[in-house]
Protein backbone atom coordinates (compact mmCIF):
# COMPACT_ATOMS: atom_id res chain seq x y z
CA MET A 1 9.93 19.74 -7.56
CA THR A 2 6.53 20.23 -9.15
CA THR A 3 3.23 20.00 -7.31
CA LYS A 4 2.42 16.77 -9.15
CA GLN A 5 5.69 15.18 -8.02
CA ARG A 6 5.14 16.42 -4.45
CA ALA A 7 1.63 14.93 -4.47
CA ALA A 8 2.99 11.55 -5.59
CA LEU A 9 5.62 11.62 -2.83
CA ARG A 10 2.95 12.60 -0.28
CA SER A 11 0.87 9.59 -1.24
CA MET A 12 3.91 7.35 -0.72
CA CYS A 13 4.46 8.90 2.73
CA ASN A 14 0.95 8.10 3.94
CA THR A 15 1.66 4.43 4.58
CA MET A 16 5.17 4.90 6.00
CA GLU A 17 6.18 4.64 9.65
CA PRO A 18 8.51 7.29 11.11
CA VAL A 19 12.19 6.38 10.81
CA LEU A 20 13.69 9.19 12.91
CA HIS A 21 12.57 10.89 16.12
CA ILE A 22 13.72 14.35 17.14
CA GLY A 23 13.75 14.66 20.93
CA LYS A 24 15.04 17.03 23.57
CA ASP A 25 18.57 17.03 22.08
CA GLY A 26 17.25 18.60 18.89
CA ILE A 27 19.13 18.23 15.61
CA ASN A 28 22.66 17.17 16.46
CA ASP A 29 25.43 15.62 14.35
CA ASN A 30 24.35 12.07 15.23
CA LEU A 31 20.78 12.70 14.05
CA VAL A 32 22.06 14.29 10.83
CA LYS A 33 24.23 11.21 10.17
CA GLN A 34 21.28 8.87 10.77
CA CYS A 35 19.09 10.98 8.50
CA TRP A 36 21.75 11.02 5.76
CA ASP A 37 22.07 7.21 5.91
CA ALA A 38 18.28 6.72 5.92
CA LEU A 39 17.89 8.99 2.88
CA GLU A 40 20.60 7.08 1.01
CA ALA A 41 18.82 3.79 1.75
CA ARG A 42 15.18 4.86 1.31
CA GLU A 43 15.17 8.28 -0.41
CA LEU A 44 11.86 9.20 1.26
CA ILE A 45 11.58 9.21 5.06
CA LYS A 46 9.12 10.28 7.73
CA VAL A 47 10.34 12.02 10.89
CA THR A 48 8.53 12.62 14.19
CA VAL A 49 9.17 15.60 16.47
CA GLN A 50 8.61 14.70 20.13
CA LYS A 51 6.78 17.05 22.52
CA ASN A 52 9.93 17.92 24.48
CA ALA A 53 11.91 18.91 21.35
CA PRO A 54 13.17 22.49 21.10
CA TYR A 55 11.64 22.88 17.59
CA THR A 56 8.25 22.77 15.99
CA ALA A 57 7.87 20.26 13.17
CA ARG A 58 8.13 22.97 10.51
CA GLU A 59 11.31 24.45 12.02
CA ALA A 60 12.86 21.00 12.41
CA CYS A 61 11.99 20.12 8.81
CA GLU A 62 13.66 23.27 7.45
CA ALA A 63 16.77 22.81 9.61
CA LEU A 64 17.17 19.12 8.80
CA CYS A 65 16.57 19.60 5.07
CA GLU A 66 19.23 22.28 4.98
CA ARG A 67 21.81 20.05 6.69
CA VAL A 68 21.19 16.90 4.59
CA HIS A 69 20.42 18.68 1.27
CA ALA A 70 16.91 17.23 1.07
CA GLU A 71 13.55 18.63 -0.04
CA PRO A 72 10.54 18.93 2.28
CA VAL A 73 7.52 16.99 1.06
CA GLN A 74 4.87 17.44 3.75
CA THR A 75 4.46 18.64 7.34
CA ILE A 76 1.41 17.60 9.34
CA GLY A 77 1.17 18.04 13.11
CA ASN A 78 4.37 16.75 14.68
CA ARG A 79 5.51 14.71 11.66
CA PHE A 80 7.13 15.57 8.37
CA CYS A 81 8.43 13.79 5.28
CA ILE A 82 11.57 14.66 3.33
CA TYR A 83 13.00 13.41 0.03
CA ARG A 84 16.45 13.26 -1.50
CA GLN A 85 17.42 11.16 -4.49
CA ALA A 86 20.04 8.53 -3.63
CA ARG A 87 23.49 8.94 -5.12
CA GLU A 88 23.54 5.29 -6.26
CA ASN A 89 20.70 2.86 -7.05
CA SER A 90 17.92 5.43 -7.07
CA ARG A 91 14.46 3.86 -6.89
CA ILE A 92 12.29 6.97 -6.75
CA ARG A 93 12.97 9.24 -9.70
CA LEU A 94 11.14 12.56 -9.84
CA GLU A 95 11.20 12.51 -13.63
CA ASP A 96 9.10 9.33 -13.62
CA LEU A 97 6.41 10.67 -11.26
């Protein structure tokens, strides 16, 4: 992913509401399944890390991206955005950005 593509994805993230919340249970199989489904439907999602979570936002972003094969877009405070192109019916194509 180039810096230009990342910048375009960051601008799309600005207006989004968080879809997932990582709490005290951390990143478990259920959260990974929800994240996988959300990425298939939306391709770009925002995630919030709660105060009682066992991870920082950066650590959670790296761990979640590794498990769902996504790319980190941006981490600010306790929120982060990740991107993965959908297998079918892709709406956000990196080549077009």
